[in-house]
N, C-alpha and C. Protein backbone atom coordinates (compact mmCIF):
# COMPACT_ATOMS: atom_id res chain seq x y z
N UNK A 1 -6.37 -24.40 -46.21
CA UNK A 1 -5.51 -24.80 -45.25
C UNK A 1 -5.12 -23.34 -44.45
N UNK A 2 -4.73 -22.30 -45.49
CA UNK A 2 -4.31 -21.24 -45.07
C UNK A 2 -5.60 -20.43 -44.06
N UNK A 3 -6.88 -20.82 -44.20
CA UNK A 3 -7.70 -20.43 -43.48
C UNK A 3 -7.83 -20.99 -42.34
N UNK A 4 -7.73 -22.53 -42.38
CA UNK A 4 -7.66 -23.32 -40.82
C UNK A 4 -6.92 -22.82 -40.09
N UNK A 5 -5.95 -22.29 -40.10
CA UNK A 5 -4.62 -21.86 -39.54
C UNK A 5 -4.99 -20.66 -39.22
N UNK A 6 -5.35 -19.80 -40.12
CA UNK A 6 -6.09 -18.40 -39.31
C UNK A 6 -7.08 -18.57 -38.46
N UNK A 7 -7.73 -19.62 -38.76
CA UNK A 7 -9.34 -19.31 -37.59
C UNK A 7 -8.77 -19.78 -36.37
N UNK A 8 -7.37 -21.22 -36.51
CA UNK A 8 -7.14 -21.43 -35.21
C UNK A 8 -6.31 -20.55 -34.32
N UNK A 9 -5.41 -19.78 -34.83
CA UNK A 9 -4.51 -18.53 -34.67
C UNK A 9 -5.70 -17.45 -33.90
N UNK A 10 -6.77 -17.01 -34.46
CA UNK A 10 -7.73 -16.00 -34.05
C UNK A 10 -8.24 -16.55 -33.09
N UNK A 11 -8.63 -18.09 -33.12
CA UNK A 11 -9.45 -18.27 -31.29
C UNK A 11 -8.86 -18.53 -30.46
N UNK A 12 -7.40 -19.19 -30.85
CA UNK A 12 -6.30 -18.86 -29.80
C UNK A 12 -5.98 -17.43 -29.00
N UNK A 13 -5.73 -16.51 -29.96
CA UNK A 13 -5.83 -15.26 -29.43
C UNK A 13 -7.05 -14.40 -28.65
N UNK A 14 -8.09 -15.23 -29.58
CA UNK A 14 -9.09 -14.60 -28.86
C UNK A 14 -9.29 -15.25 -27.36
N UNK A 15 -9.38 -16.43 -26.82
CA UNK A 15 -8.91 -17.19 -25.69
C UNK A 15 -7.99 -16.16 -24.65
N UNK A 16 -6.84 -16.03 -25.34
CA UNK A 16 -5.98 -15.31 -24.65
C UNK A 16 -6.48 -13.97 -23.99
N UNK A 17 -7.03 -13.31 -24.66
CA UNK A 17 -7.36 -11.86 -24.48
C UNK A 17 -8.59 -11.74 -23.56
N UNK A 18 -9.45 -13.12 -23.58
CA UNK A 18 -10.61 -13.50 -22.91
C UNK A 18 -9.77 -13.56 -21.30
N UNK A 19 -8.97 -14.75 -21.18
CA UNK A 19 -8.33 -14.74 -20.05
C UNK A 19 -7.47 -13.60 -19.48
N UNK A 20 -6.84 -12.69 -20.10
CA UNK A 20 -6.40 -11.56 -19.49
C UNK A 20 -7.34 -10.80 -18.90
N UNK A 21 -8.65 -10.70 -19.79
CA UNK A 21 -9.34 -9.37 -19.25
C UNK A 21 -10.17 -9.81 -17.97
N UNK A 22 -10.07 -11.43 -17.68
CA UNK A 22 -10.76 -11.74 -16.58
C UNK A 22 -9.62 -11.37 -15.44
N UNK A 23 -8.21 -11.97 -15.62
CA UNK A 23 -7.28 -11.78 -14.38
C UNK A 23 -6.96 -10.47 -14.35
N UNK A 24 -6.77 -9.37 -14.90
CA UNK A 24 -6.07 -8.52 -15.16
C UNK A 24 -7.03 -7.49 -13.95
N UNK A 25 -7.71 -7.21 -13.89
CA UNK A 25 -8.58 -6.63 -12.94
C UNK A 25 -7.99 -7.29 -11.30
N UNK A 26 -8.24 -8.23 -11.29
CA UNK A 26 -7.83 -8.90 -9.87
C UNK A 26 -5.98 -8.63 -9.63
N UNK A 27 -5.47 -8.67 -10.58
CA UNK A 27 -4.03 -8.09 -10.16
C UNK A 27 -4.07 -7.15 -10.09
N UNK A 28 -4.86 -6.18 -10.74
CA UNK A 28 -4.94 -4.68 -10.40
C UNK A 28 -5.05 -4.46 -8.72
N UNK A 29 -6.13 -5.20 -8.41
CA UNK A 29 -6.81 -5.10 -6.72
C UNK A 29 -5.14 -5.82 -6.08
N UNK A 30 -4.49 -6.48 -6.77
CA UNK A 30 -3.46 -7.35 -5.67
C UNK A 30 -2.60 -6.32 -5.71
N UNK A 31 -2.24 -5.86 -6.30
CA UNK A 31 -1.12 -4.75 -6.59
C UNK A 31 -1.40 -3.60 -5.61
N UNK A 32 -2.23 -3.18 -5.73
CA UNK A 32 -2.84 -1.77 -4.33
C UNK A 32 -2.71 -2.69 -3.16
N UNK A 33 -3.15 -3.78 -2.85
CA UNK A 33 -2.73 -4.13 -1.49
C UNK A 33 -1.27 -4.76 -1.36
N UNK A 34 -0.45 -4.96 -2.32
CA UNK A 34 1.31 -5.19 -2.52
C UNK A 34 1.48 -3.78 -2.16
N UNK A 35 0.93 -3.04 -2.86
CA UNK A 35 1.90 -1.83 -2.76
C UNK A 35 1.54 -1.33 -0.99
N UNK A 36 0.68 -1.00 -0.48
CA UNK A 36 -0.17 -1.04 0.98
C UNK A 36 0.81 -1.58 2.09
N UNK A 37 1.03 -2.86 1.59
CA UNK A 37 2.29 -3.73 2.54
C UNK A 37 3.60 -3.33 2.50
N UNK A 38 4.14 -2.98 1.56
CA UNK A 38 5.39 -2.59 1.15
C UNK A 38 5.55 -1.09 1.80
N UNK A 39 4.71 -0.30 1.11
CA UNK A 39 4.84 1.02 2.05
C UNK A 39 4.28 1.22 3.24
N UNK A 40 3.61 0.42 3.92
CA UNK A 40 2.90 1.03 4.98
C UNK A 40 3.24 -0.15 6.41
N UNK A 41 3.64 -1.39 5.63
CA UNK A 41 3.45 -2.51 6.93
C UNK A 41 4.88 -3.33 7.65
N UNK A 42 4.90 -2.85 8.69
CA UNK A 42 6.43 -3.29 9.44
C UNK A 42 5.88 -3.56 10.61
N UNK A 43 5.12 -5.09 10.61
CA UNK A 43 5.33 -5.85 11.51
C UNK A 43 5.79 -6.40 12.61
N UNK A 44 7.31 -6.42 12.30
CA UNK A 44 8.33 -7.04 12.67
C UNK A 44 8.91 -5.72 13.59
N UNK A 45 8.79 -4.86 13.94
CA UNK A 45 9.54 -3.65 14.68
C UNK A 45 9.03 -3.94 16.37
N UNK A 46 9.48 -4.69 17.14
CA UNK A 46 9.09 -5.03 18.25
C UNK A 46 9.30 -4.01 19.44
N UNK A 47 10.15 -3.08 19.12
CA UNK A 47 10.84 -1.90 19.90
C UNK A 47 10.48 -0.30 19.41
N UNK A 48 10.44 0.24 19.91
CA UNK A 48 10.18 1.71 19.38
C UNK A 48 11.77 2.22 18.42
N UNK A 49 11.47 2.37 17.16
CA UNK A 49 12.31 2.44 16.54
C UNK A 49 13.53 4.00 17.14
N UNK A 50 14.51 3.67 16.31
CA UNK A 50 15.75 4.74 16.69
C UNK A 50 15.38 5.71 15.68
N UNK A 51 16.43 6.67 16.20
CA UNK A 51 16.27 8.12 15.24
C UNK A 51 16.45 7.84 13.50
N UNK A 52 16.87 6.72 13.29
CA UNK A 52 17.66 6.18 11.91
C UNK A 52 16.54 5.20 11.40
N UNK A 53 15.58 5.18 11.76
CA UNK A 53 14.60 3.96 11.42
C UNK A 53 14.14 4.60 10.35
N UNK A 54 13.43 5.69 9.96
CA UNK A 54 13.06 6.26 8.70
C UNK A 54 13.80 6.55 7.51
N UNK A 55 15.16 6.70 7.81
CA UNK A 55 16.07 6.51 6.93
C UNK A 55 16.39 5.21 6.07
N UNK A 56 16.45 4.34 6.92
CA UNK A 56 16.57 3.12 6.42
C UNK A 56 15.53 2.51 5.74
N UNK A 57 14.59 2.61 6.38
CA UNK A 57 13.14 2.00 5.77
C UNK A 57 12.72 2.68 4.40
N UNK A 58 12.56 3.95 4.42
CA UNK A 58 12.32 4.42 3.30
C UNK A 58 13.22 3.91 1.88
N UNK A 59 14.55 4.24 2.19
CA UNK A 59 15.64 3.41 1.32
C UNK A 59 14.91 1.99 0.90
N UNK A 60 15.04 1.20 1.85
CA UNK A 60 14.68 -0.77 1.99
C UNK A 60 13.54 -0.46 0.97
N UNK A 61 12.45 0.35 1.42
CA UNK A 61 11.00 0.03 0.59
C UNK A 61 11.23 0.65 -0.42
N UNK A 62 11.73 1.33 -1.11
CA UNK A 62 12.48 2.26 -2.72
C UNK A 62 11.53 3.12 -2.28
N UNK A 63 11.13 4.16 -1.61
CA UNK A 63 10.78 5.34 -1.76
C UNK A 63 11.22 6.46 -1.68
N UNK A 64 13.08 6.02 -2.52
CA UNK A 64 13.60 7.13 -2.07
C UNK A 64 14.39 7.02 -3.84
N UNK A 65 14.10 6.41 -4.61
CA UNK A 65 14.57 5.81 -5.91
C UNK A 65 14.57 7.04 -6.90
N UNK A 66 13.34 7.11 -7.17
CA UNK A 66 13.21 8.15 -8.13
C UNK A 66 13.27 10.04 -7.61
N UNK A 67 12.73 10.03 -6.56
CA UNK A 67 12.66 11.40 -5.62
C UNK A 67 12.14 10.85 -4.53
N UNK A 68 12.33 11.88 -3.23
CA UNK A 68 12.03 11.77 -1.50
C UNK A 68 10.60 11.70 -1.78
N UNK A 69 10.23 10.75 -1.00
CA UNK A 69 8.62 10.92 -0.97
C UNK A 69 8.51 11.61 0.45
N UNK A 70 7.78 12.75 0.63
CA UNK A 70 7.54 13.55 1.76
C UNK A 70 7.33 12.89 3.10
N UNK A 71 6.43 12.17 2.81
CA UNK A 71 6.03 11.81 3.86
C UNK A 71 5.33 10.54 3.85
N UNK A 72 5.28 9.51 4.99
CA UNK A 72 5.01 8.33 5.26
C UNK A 72 4.70 7.93 6.70
N UNK A 73 3.62 6.43 6.61
CA UNK A 73 3.75 6.58 7.91
C UNK A 73 3.61 4.53 7.79
N UNK A 74 4.62 4.02 8.71
CA UNK A 74 4.51 2.53 8.92
C UNK A 74 3.58 2.20 10.06
N UNK A 75 3.26 1.12 9.97
CA UNK A 75 1.97 0.53 10.92
C UNK A 75 2.57 -0.79 11.43
N UNK A 76 3.10 -0.78 13.10
CA UNK A 76 3.93 -1.79 13.51
C UNK A 76 2.86 -2.58 14.19
N UNK A 77 1.74 -3.02 14.07
CA UNK A 77 0.73 -4.03 13.95
C UNK A 77 0.53 -5.10 13.17
N UNK A 78 0.03 -6.28 13.14
CA UNK A 78 -0.03 -7.35 12.38
C UNK A 78 -1.15 -7.16 11.18
N UNK A 79 -0.64 -8.06 10.37
CA UNK A 79 -1.47 -7.29 9.05
C UNK A 79 -2.71 -8.09 8.79
N UNK A 80 -3.06 -8.85 9.93
CA UNK A 80 -4.58 -9.55 10.31
C UNK A 80 -5.29 -8.49 10.82
N UNK A 81 -4.62 -7.34 12.12
CA UNK A 81 -5.07 -6.51 12.73
C UNK A 81 -5.83 -5.26 11.53
N UNK A 82 -4.79 -5.05 11.12
CA UNK A 82 -4.85 -4.06 9.79
C UNK A 82 -6.09 -4.25 9.04
N UNK A 83 -6.37 -5.58 8.59
CA UNK A 83 -6.97 -6.01 7.70
C UNK A 83 -8.41 -5.84 8.34
N UNK A 84 -8.62 -6.78 9.28
CA UNK A 84 -9.93 -6.29 10.44
C UNK A 84 -10.40 -4.77 10.40
N UNK A 85 -9.82 -4.00 9.97
CA UNK A 85 -10.30 -2.19 10.15
C UNK A 85 -11.13 -2.49 9.25
N UNK A 86 -10.82 -3.10 7.85
CA UNK A 86 -11.88 -3.01 6.53
C UNK A 86 -13.11 -3.40 6.99
N UNK A 87 -13.10 -4.03 7.73
CA UNK A 87 -14.73 -4.67 8.72
C UNK A 87 -15.82 -3.84 9.39
N UNK A 88 -15.02 -2.56 9.66
CA UNK A 88 -15.85 -1.42 10.48
C UNK A 88 -16.42 -0.85 9.60
N UNK A 89 -17.14 0.34 10.21
CA UNK A 89 -18.37 0.93 9.45
C UNK A 89 -17.45 1.87 8.35
N UNK A 90 -18.14 2.20 6.94
CA UNK A 90 -17.18 2.95 6.08
C UNK A 90 -17.36 4.76 6.66
N UNK A 91 -16.49 5.23 6.86
CA UNK A 91 -16.38 6.81 6.56
C UNK A 91 -15.78 7.20 5.41
N UNK A 92 -15.78 8.62 4.82
CA UNK A 92 -15.54 9.11 4.27
C UNK A 92 -13.95 9.29 4.05
N UNK A 93 -13.45 9.27 3.09
CA UNK A 93 -12.00 9.18 2.91
C UNK A 93 -11.47 10.59 2.61
N UNK A 94 -10.46 11.53 2.85
CA UNK A 94 -9.71 12.49 2.80
C UNK A 94 -10.59 13.01 0.54
N UNK A 95 -10.31 12.20 -0.14
CA UNK A 95 -10.45 12.26 -1.43
C UNK A 95 -11.69 12.33 -1.95
N UNK A 96 -12.86 12.43 -0.54
CA UNK A 96 -14.20 12.27 -0.78
C UNK A 96 -14.99 10.62 -0.95
N UNK A 97 -14.08 9.91 -1.25
CA UNK A 97 -14.59 8.50 -1.24
C UNK A 97 -15.27 7.71 -0.13
N UNK A 98 -16.13 7.07 0.00
CA UNK A 98 -16.54 6.28 1.02
C UNK A 98 -16.19 4.98 1.33
N UNK A 99 -14.94 4.47 1.14
CA UNK A 99 -14.23 3.18 1.44
C UNK A 99 -13.53 3.42 2.17
N UNK A 100 -13.10 4.59 3.53
CA UNK A 100 -12.35 4.35 4.45
C UNK A 100 -13.11 3.84 5.60
N UNK A 101 -11.66 3.09 6.63
CA UNK A 101 -12.55 2.36 7.64
C UNK A 101 -11.32 3.14 8.66
N UNK A 102 -12.24 3.52 10.43
CA UNK A 102 -11.41 3.44 11.13
C UNK A 102 -11.39 2.75 11.93
N UNK A 103 -9.66 2.45 12.84
CA UNK A 103 -9.80 1.31 13.70
C UNK A 103 -10.36 1.98 14.67
N UNK A 104 -10.99 0.45 15.57
CA UNK A 104 -11.38 1.10 16.88
C UNK A 104 -10.22 1.33 18.43
N UNK A 105 -9.18 0.68 18.07
CA UNK A 105 -8.06 0.73 18.59
C UNK A 105 -7.15 1.77 18.57
N UNK A 106 -6.11 1.93 19.14
CA UNK A 106 -4.87 2.75 18.89
C UNK A 106 -4.04 1.86 18.32
N UNK A 107 -3.20 2.09 17.57
CA UNK A 107 -1.78 1.05 17.00
C UNK A 107 -0.94 1.78 17.17
N UNK A 108 0.36 1.21 16.78
CA UNK A 108 1.76 1.48 16.97
C UNK A 108 2.16 1.82 15.66
N UNK A 109 2.64 3.22 15.84
CA UNK A 109 3.00 3.66 14.04
C UNK A 109 4.41 4.46 14.23
N UNK A 110 4.73 4.45 13.17
CA UNK A 110 6.14 5.41 13.22
C UNK A 110 5.65 6.37 11.54
N UNK A 111 5.89 7.51 12.17
CA UNK A 111 5.66 8.74 10.88
C UNK A 111 6.91 9.18 10.35
N UNK A 112 7.41 9.07 9.37
CA UNK A 112 8.43 9.59 8.85
C UNK A 112 8.46 10.78 7.77
N UNK A 113 8.91 11.81 8.07
CA UNK A 113 8.87 13.16 7.17
C UNK A 113 10.19 14.00 6.67
N UNK A 114 10.19 14.29 5.48
CA UNK A 114 11.25 14.63 5.38
C UNK A 114 11.91 15.89 6.02
N UNK A 115 13.33 15.65 5.83
CA UNK A 115 13.98 16.97 6.84
C UNK A 115 13.70 17.94 5.85
N UNK A 116 13.51 19.56 6.34
CA UNK A 116 13.76 20.98 5.56
C UNK A 116 15.38 20.71 5.11
N UNK A 117 15.35 20.84 3.61
CA UNK A 117 16.84 21.15 2.95
C UNK A 117 17.06 19.41 2.11
N UNK A 118 16.49 18.40 2.88
CA UNK A 118 17.04 17.13 2.25
C UNK A 118 16.54 17.22 0.92
N UNK A 119 17.52 16.62 0.14
CA UNK A 119 17.37 16.50 -1.72
C UNK A 119 17.71 15.14 -2.22
N UNK A 120 17.10 14.62 -3.06
CA UNK A 120 17.27 13.46 -3.68
C UNK A 120 18.71 13.41 -4.14
N UNK A 121 19.28 12.51 -4.54
CA UNK A 121 19.14 11.18 -3.73
C UNK A 121 19.54 11.08 -2.14
N UNK A 122 20.02 12.04 -1.62
CA UNK A 122 20.24 12.21 -0.03
C UNK A 122 18.95 12.52 0.57
N UNK A 123 17.83 11.62 0.87
CA UNK A 123 16.42 11.87 1.52
C UNK A 123 16.88 11.67 2.80
N UNK A 124 17.10 12.73 3.64
CA UNK A 124 16.52 12.23 5.13
C UNK A 124 15.28 12.64 5.71
N UNK A 125 15.08 11.46 6.68
CA UNK A 125 13.75 11.77 7.26
C UNK A 125 13.78 11.96 9.02
N UNK A 126 12.88 12.38 9.21
CA UNK A 126 13.07 12.73 10.96
C UNK A 126 11.94 11.66 11.22
N UNK A 127 11.84 10.84 12.00
CA UNK A 127 11.43 9.52 12.99
C UNK A 127 10.43 10.01 13.87
N UNK A 128 9.53 10.08 13.76
CA UNK A 128 8.44 10.12 15.40
C UNK A 128 7.04 8.94 15.32
N UNK A 129 7.77 8.09 16.44
CA UNK A 129 7.20 6.90 16.63
C UNK A 129 5.77 7.76 17.58
N UNK A 130 4.71 6.86 17.53
CA UNK A 130 3.29 7.13 18.07
C UNK A 130 2.83 5.89 18.39
N UNK A 131 0.87 6.33 19.04
CA UNK A 131 0.01 5.29 18.92
C UNK A 131 -1.11 6.04 18.95
N UNK A 132 -1.88 5.84 17.84
CA UNK A 132 -3.11 6.46 17.51
C UNK A 132 -3.79 5.61 16.91
N UNK A 133 -5.48 5.49 16.34
CA UNK A 133 -6.09 5.00 15.49
C UNK A 133 -6.13 5.42 14.05
N UNK A 134 -6.18 4.71 13.00
CA UNK A 134 -5.62 4.71 11.53
C UNK A 134 -6.74 4.54 10.76
N UNK A 135 -6.83 5.74 9.96
CA UNK A 135 -7.91 5.05 8.70
C UNK A 135 -7.26 4.68 7.34
N UNK A 136 -8.19 3.14 6.84
CA UNK A 136 -7.49 3.07 5.72
C UNK A 136 -8.47 2.61 5.01
N UNK A 137 -8.21 3.06 3.38
CA UNK A 137 -9.25 2.78 2.38
C UNK A 137 -8.81 1.39 2.19
N UNK A 138 -10.11 0.30 1.86
CA UNK A 138 -9.82 -0.86 1.55
C UNK A 138 -10.69 -0.79 0.14
N UNK A 139 -10.41 -2.16 -0.62
CA UNK A 139 -11.24 -2.39 -1.56
C UNK A 139 -12.47 -3.41 -1.73
N UNK A 140 -12.75 -3.72 -2.78
CA UNK A 140 -14.15 -4.47 -2.66
C UNK A 140 -14.26 -5.84 -2.16
N UNK A 141 -12.88 -6.08 -1.88
CA UNK A 141 -12.66 -7.56 -1.58
C UNK A 141 -12.26 -7.23 0.11
N UNK A 142 -12.35 -6.12 0.61
CA UNK A 142 -11.98 -5.81 2.21
C UNK A 142 -10.54 -5.85 2.54
N UNK A 143 -9.74 -5.63 1.53
CA UNK A 143 -8.41 -5.67 1.84
C UNK A 143 -7.85 -4.04 1.93
N UNK A 144 -6.69 -3.30 2.99
CA UNK A 144 -6.51 -2.22 3.13
C UNK A 144 -5.51 -2.17 1.68
N UNK A 145 -5.93 -0.69 1.00
CA UNK A 145 -5.18 -0.76 -0.45
C UNK A 145 -4.47 0.69 -0.14
N UNK A 146 -4.98 1.79 1.23
CA UNK A 146 -4.36 2.77 1.14
C UNK A 146 -4.32 3.37 2.33
N UNK A 147 -3.39 3.99 3.33
CA UNK A 147 -3.53 4.99 4.62
C UNK A 147 -3.78 6.10 4.30
N UNK A 148 -4.71 6.42 4.71
CA UNK A 148 -5.56 7.84 4.57
C UNK A 148 -5.42 8.53 5.92
N UNK A 149 -5.00 8.34 6.61
CA UNK A 149 -4.44 8.98 8.17
C UNK A 149 -4.28 8.13 9.11
């Protein structure tokens, strides 16, 4: 009886580990895409950001919790348009990987740079709206996971 219970428990444990092994890689990919959206996408901005935009957004998107993130860019285009960049030809990323893609057209973005002398927890940013081509790194599912430039 005890051996039977042990065999059943072992079988259930093996099944759980097998399922986790299949699910975990896709969770990692999803978290890269989710992090990209959290840190870089702001499709709802319809007009030019004001000078306080970066201070608000960096805090809202939790990029000032443990430290002040020195530089970040928000993209003000639809996620569909940004995902479509992943269908462009591959180019080399800054880190040497070959999974980056450059947008064909210019996109509305806002660059946020930490101001000189700004220290955590009082992170202060300079807001610089621009319109330019962007480069994104995409995963094997053709989803953006990193803003390279």
